């Protein structure tokens, strides 16, 4: 199998309330084996300072859908749907496994590579899973 350079995308999830609480800043890294989310809460008037950095790891097999949303010919948002919502439940602004990430300007060029990379990784995962099932069935018959 050939090596694929990891894709790194800076993102933010806007605050849900009018007071600016729970705004999330982070970086999503598409590594060869899994997807890694590094995120923290942005400081605000009430909390002050920056929140501590959190890290989540999600296998490619758990990603159901990836969508890049363009607005005025530029990539603006990345929508990820995770099959197991419990994996990303601790990130504020994520609802039932659906993550809508606002892509930072400095990561828009990098995000263009994303759709083909996710499709490739997901298909490789499904192929490996299929091979394991076939091997298990052939072991039962023998």
C-alpha atoms as a PDB file:
ATOM      1  CA  UNK A   1       0.000   0.000   0.000  1.00  0.00           C
ATOM      2  CA  UNK A   2       1.315   3.432  -0.846  1.00  0.00           C
ATOM      3  CA  UNK A   3       1.808   6.247   1.617  1.00  0.00           C
ATOM      4  CA  UNK A   4      -0.563   9.206   1.678  1.00  0.00           C
ATOM      5  CA  UNK A   5       0.453  12.517   3.179  1.00  0.00           C
ATOM      6  CA  UNK A   6      -1.772  13.456   6.114  1.00  0.00           C
ATOM      7  CA  UNK A   7      -4.239  16.307   5.619  1.00  0.00           C
ATOM      8  CA  UNK A   8      -4.485  18.939   8.369  1.00  0.00           C
ATOM      9  CA  UNK A   9      -7.429  21.351   8.512  1.00  0.00           C
ATOM     10  CA  UNK A  10      -7.909  24.201  10.971  1.00  0.00           C
ATOM     11  CA  UNK A  11     -11.563  24.706  11.920  1.00  0.00           C
ATOM     12  CA  UNK A  12     -13.943  26.368  14.314  1.00  0.00           C
ATOM     13  CA  UNK A  13     -17.483  25.654  15.436  1.00  0.00           C
ATOM     14  CA  UNK A  14     -19.356  28.904  16.115  1.00  0.00           C
ATOM     15  CA  UNK A  15     -20.844  29.579  19.531  1.00  0.00           C
ATOM     16  CA  UNK A  16     -24.433  28.444  19.903  1.00  0.00           C
ATOM     17  CA  UNK A  17     -25.650  31.211  22.186  1.00  0.00           C
ATOM     18  CA  UNK A  18     -25.560  34.997  21.863  1.00  0.00           C
ATOM     19  CA  UNK A  19     -23.043  35.299  24.715  1.00  0.00           C
ATOM     20  CA  UNK A  20     -20.295  33.536  22.778  1.00  0.00           C
ATOM     21  CA  UNK A  21     -20.005  30.521  25.031  1.00  0.00           C
ATOM     22  CA  UNK A  22     -18.869  27.137  23.763  1.00  0.00           C
ATOM     23  CA  UNK A  23     -17.099  28.348  20.620  1.00  0.00           C
ATOM     24  CA  UNK A  24     -14.711  25.607  19.560  1.00  0.00           C
ATOM     25  CA  UNK A  25     -11.342  26.057  17.855  1.00  0.00           C
ATOM     26  CA  UNK A  26      -9.430  23.080  16.569  1.00  0.00           C
ATOM     27  CA  UNK A  27      -7.514  21.075  14.046  1.00  0.00           C
ATOM     28  CA  UNK A  28      -8.603  17.889  12.322  1.00  0.00           C
ATOM     29  CA  UNK A  29      -5.846  15.573  11.114  1.00  0.00           C
ATOM     30  CA  UNK A  30      -6.524  12.824   8.587  1.00  0.00           C
ATOM     31  CA  UNK A  31      -3.712  10.397   9.413  1.00  0.00           C
ATOM     32  CA  UNK A  32      -3.002   7.051   7.676  1.00  0.00           C
ATOM     33  CA  UNK A  33      -4.732   4.944  10.358  1.00  0.00           C
ATOM     34  CA  UNK A  34      -7.427   7.249  11.786  1.00  0.00           C
ATOM     35  CA  UNK A  35      -8.815  10.785  12.050  1.00  0.00           C
ATOM     36  CA  UNK A  36      -7.637  12.874  14.989  1.00  0.00           C
ATOM     37  CA  UNK A  37      -9.526  15.884  16.370  1.00  0.00           C
ATOM     38  CA  UNK A  38      -7.587  18.369  18.512  1.00  0.00           C
ATOM     39  CA  UNK A  39      -9.946  20.987  19.945  1.00  0.00           C
ATOM     40  CA  UNK A  40     -10.416  23.470  22.748  1.00  0.00           C
ATOM     41  CA  UNK A  41     -13.017  25.981  23.859  1.00  0.00           C
ATOM     42  CA  UNK A  42     -12.250  29.558  22.917  1.00  0.00           C
ATOM     43  CA  UNK A  43     -12.016  31.898  25.868  1.00  0.00           C
ATOM     44  CA  UNK A  44     -14.730  34.495  26.390  1.00  0.00           C
ATOM     45  CA  UNK A  45     -15.598  37.343  28.732  1.00  0.00           C
ATOM     46  CA  UNK A  46     -17.127  35.052  31.352  1.00  0.00           C
ATOM     47  CA  UNK A  47     -14.532  32.284  31.416  1.00  0.00           C
ATOM     48  CA  UNK A  48     -11.419  34.163  30.331  1.00  0.00           C
ATOM     49  CA  UNK A  49      -8.372  32.574  28.784  1.00  0.00           C
ATOM     50  CA  UNK A  50      -8.278  29.531  26.595  1.00  0.00           C
ATOM     51  CA  UNK A  51      -9.661  26.109  27.430  1.00  0.00           C
ATOM     52  CA  UNK A  52      -7.472  23.050  27.660  1.00  0.00           C
ATOM     53  CA  UNK A  53      -6.713  21.033  24.530  1.00  0.00           C
ATOM     54  CA  UNK A  54      -8.663  17.783  24.012  1.00  0.00           C
ATOM     55  CA  UNK A  55      -7.857  14.991  21.562  1.00  0.00           C
ATOM     56  CA  UNK A  56     -10.297  12.516  19.999  1.00  0.00           C
ATOM     57  CA  UNK A  57      -9.489   9.635  17.669  1.00  0.00           C
ATOM     58  CA  UNK A  58     -12.075   8.346  15.182  1.00  0.00           C
ATOM     59  CA  UNK A  59     -11.427   5.369  12.871  1.00  0.00           C
ATOM     60  CA  UNK A  60     -12.192   5.869   9.168  1.00  0.00           C
ATOM     61  CA  UNK A  61     -14.843   3.151   9.352  1.00  0.00           C
ATOM     62  CA  UNK A  62     -16.954   5.304  11.684  1.00  0.00           C
ATOM     63  CA  UNK A  63     -17.190   8.160   9.157  1.00  0.00           C
ATOM     64  CA  UNK A  64     -20.423   7.721   7.222  1.00  0.00           C
ATOM     65  CA  UNK A  65     -20.467  10.851   5.115  1.00  0.00           C
ATOM     66  CA  UNK A  66     -18.184  13.756   4.210  1.00  0.00           C
ATOM     67  CA  UNK A  67     -19.434  16.878   2.497  1.00  0.00           C
ATOM     68  CA  UNK A  68     -17.531  19.994   1.510  1.00  0.00           C
ATOM     69  CA  UNK A  69     -19.801  23.049   1.248  1.00  0.00           C
ATOM     70  CA  UNK A  70     -18.792  25.833  -1.109  1.00  0.00           C
ATOM     71  CA  UNK A  71     -19.997  29.401  -0.930  1.00  0.00           C
ATOM     72  CA  UNK A  72     -18.968  31.900  -3.559  1.00  0.00           C
ATOM     73  CA  UNK A  73     -16.584  29.372  -5.157  1.00  0.00           C
ATOM     74  CA  UNK A  74     -14.616  28.812  -1.957  1.00  0.00           C
ATOM     75  CA  UNK A  75     -14.724  25.977   0.509  1.00  0.00           C
ATOM     76  CA  UNK A  76     -16.415  27.202   3.660  1.00  0.00           C
ATOM     77  CA  UNK A  77     -17.633  24.205   5.654  1.00  0.00           C
ATOM     78  CA  UNK A  78     -16.864  20.571   6.190  1.00  0.00           C
ATOM     79  CA  UNK A  79     -19.756  18.360   7.281  1.00  0.00           C
ATOM     80  CA  UNK A  80     -18.858  15.000   8.815  1.00  0.00           C
ATOM     81  CA  UNK A  81     -21.383  12.394   9.885  1.00  0.00           C
ATOM     82  CA  UNK A  82     -20.087   9.884  12.415  1.00  0.00           C
ATOM     83  CA  UNK A  83     -21.925   6.547  12.734  1.00  0.00           C
ATOM     84  CA  UNK A  84     -21.393   6.341  16.506  1.00  0.00           C
ATOM     85  CA  UNK A  85     -22.373   9.724  18.018  1.00  0.00           C
ATOM     86  CA  UNK A  86     -20.825   8.802  21.373  1.00  0.00           C
ATOM     87  CA  UNK A  87     -17.346   9.188  19.836  1.00  0.00           C
ATOM     88  CA  UNK A  88     -17.777  12.946  19.334  1.00  0.00           C
ATOM     89  CA  UNK A  89     -20.452  13.728  21.937  1.00  0.00           C
ATOM     90  CA  UNK A  90     -18.092  15.747  24.143  1.00  0.00           C
ATOM     91  CA  UNK A  91     -17.455  18.400  21.458  1.00  0.00           C
ATOM     92  CA  UNK A  92     -19.886  21.324  21.865  1.00  0.00           C
ATOM     93  CA  UNK A  93     -21.921  22.074  18.744  1.00  0.00           C
ATOM     94  CA  UNK A  94     -22.022  18.466  17.520  1.00  0.00           C
ATOM     95  CA  UNK A  95     -25.526  17.040  17.226  1.00  0.00           C
ATOM     96  CA  UNK A  96     -26.163  13.297  16.863  1.00  0.00           C
ATOM     97  CA  UNK A  97     -22.810  12.666  15.227  1.00  0.00           C
ATOM     98  CA  UNK A  98     -23.170  15.473  12.677  1.00  0.00           C
ATOM     99  CA  UNK A  99     -20.230  17.861  12.792  1.00  0.00           C
ATOM    100  CA  UNK A 100     -20.413  21.113  10.838  1.00  0.00           C
ATOM    101  CA  UNK A 101     -16.925  22.597  10.879  1.00  0.00           C
ATOM    102  CA  UNK A 102     -16.164  26.081   9.549  1.00  0.00           C
ATOM    103  CA  UNK A 103     -12.899  25.768   7.598  1.00  0.00           C
ATOM    104  CA  UNK A 104     -10.238  28.354   8.388  1.00  0.00           C
ATOM    105  CA  UNK A 105      -8.919  30.379   5.432  1.00  0.00           C
ATOM    106  CA  UNK A 106      -5.402  28.966   5.744  1.00  0.00           C
ATOM    107  CA  UNK A 107      -6.730  25.397   5.345  1.00  0.00           C
ATOM    108  CA  UNK A 108      -8.971  25.794   2.293  1.00  0.00           C
ATOM    109  CA  UNK A 109      -6.385  24.566  -0.212  1.00  0.00           C
ATOM    110  CA  UNK A 110      -5.673  21.527   1.945  1.00  0.00           C
ATOM    111  CA  UNK A 111      -9.400  20.757   2.237  1.00  0.00           C
ATOM    112  CA  UNK A 112      -9.684  20.239  -1.519  1.00  0.00           C
ATOM    113  CA  UNK A 113      -7.786  16.938  -1.151  1.00  0.00           C
ATOM    114  CA  UNK A 114     -10.146  15.704   1.498  1.00  0.00           C
ATOM    115  CA  UNK A 115     -13.071  14.096  -0.351  1.00  0.00           C
ATOM    116  CA  UNK A 116     -10.919  11.691  -2.376  1.00  0.00           C
ATOM    117  CA  UNK A 117      -8.785  10.813   0.670  1.00  0.00           C
ATOM    118  CA  UNK A 118     -11.825   9.915   2.807  1.00  0.00           C
ATOM    119  CA  UNK A 119     -13.367   7.847   0.007  1.00  0.00           C
ATOM    120  CA  UNK A 120     -10.103   5.948  -0.426  1.00  0.00           C
ATOM    121  CA  UNK A 121      -9.632   5.289   3.302  1.00  0.00           C
ATOM    122  CA  UNK A 122     -13.247   4.242   3.805  1.00  0.00           C
ATOM    123  CA  UNK A 123     -13.159   1.838   0.851  1.00  0.00           C
ATOM    124  CA  UNK A 124      -9.901   0.327   2.126  1.00  0.00           C
ATOM    125  CA  UNK A 125     -11.507  -0.164   5.543  1.00  0.00           C
ATOM    126  CA  UNK A 126     -14.620  -1.785   4.047  1.00  0.00           C
ATOM    127  CA  UNK A 127     -12.480  -4.076   1.889  1.00  0.00           C
ATOM    128  CA  UNK A 128     -10.458  -5.203   4.920  1.00  0.00           C
ATOM    129  CA  UNK A 129     -13.663  -5.814   6.875  1.00  0.00           C
ATOM    130  CA  UNK A 130     -15.081  -7.847   3.976  1.00  0.00           C
ATOM    131  CA  UNK A 131     -11.892  -9.948   3.794  1.00  0.00           C
ATOM    132  CA  UNK A 132     -12.102 -10.661   7.521  1.00  0.00           C
ATOM    133  CA  UNK A 133     -15.716 -11.837   7.177  1.00  0.00           C
ATOM    134  CA  UNK A 134     -14.794 -14.098   4.270  1.00  0.00           C
ATOM    135  CA  UNK A 135     -11.901 -15.557   6.247  1.00  0.00           C
ATOM    136  CA  UNK A 136     -14.196 -16.194   9.225  1.00  0.00           C
ATOM    137  CA  UNK A 137     -16.757 -17.937   7.012  1.00  0.00           C
ATOM    138  CA  UNK A 138     -14.107 -20.124   5.365  1.00  0.00           C
ATOM    139  CA  UNK A 139     -12.728 -21.064   8.831  1.00  0.00           C
ATOM    140  CA  UNK A 140     -16.220 -22.126   9.961  1.00  0.00           C
ATOM    141  CA  UNK A 141     -16.674 -24.330   6.916  1.00  0.00           C
ATOM    142  CA  UNK A 142     -13.309 -26.024   7.348  1.00  0.00           C
END
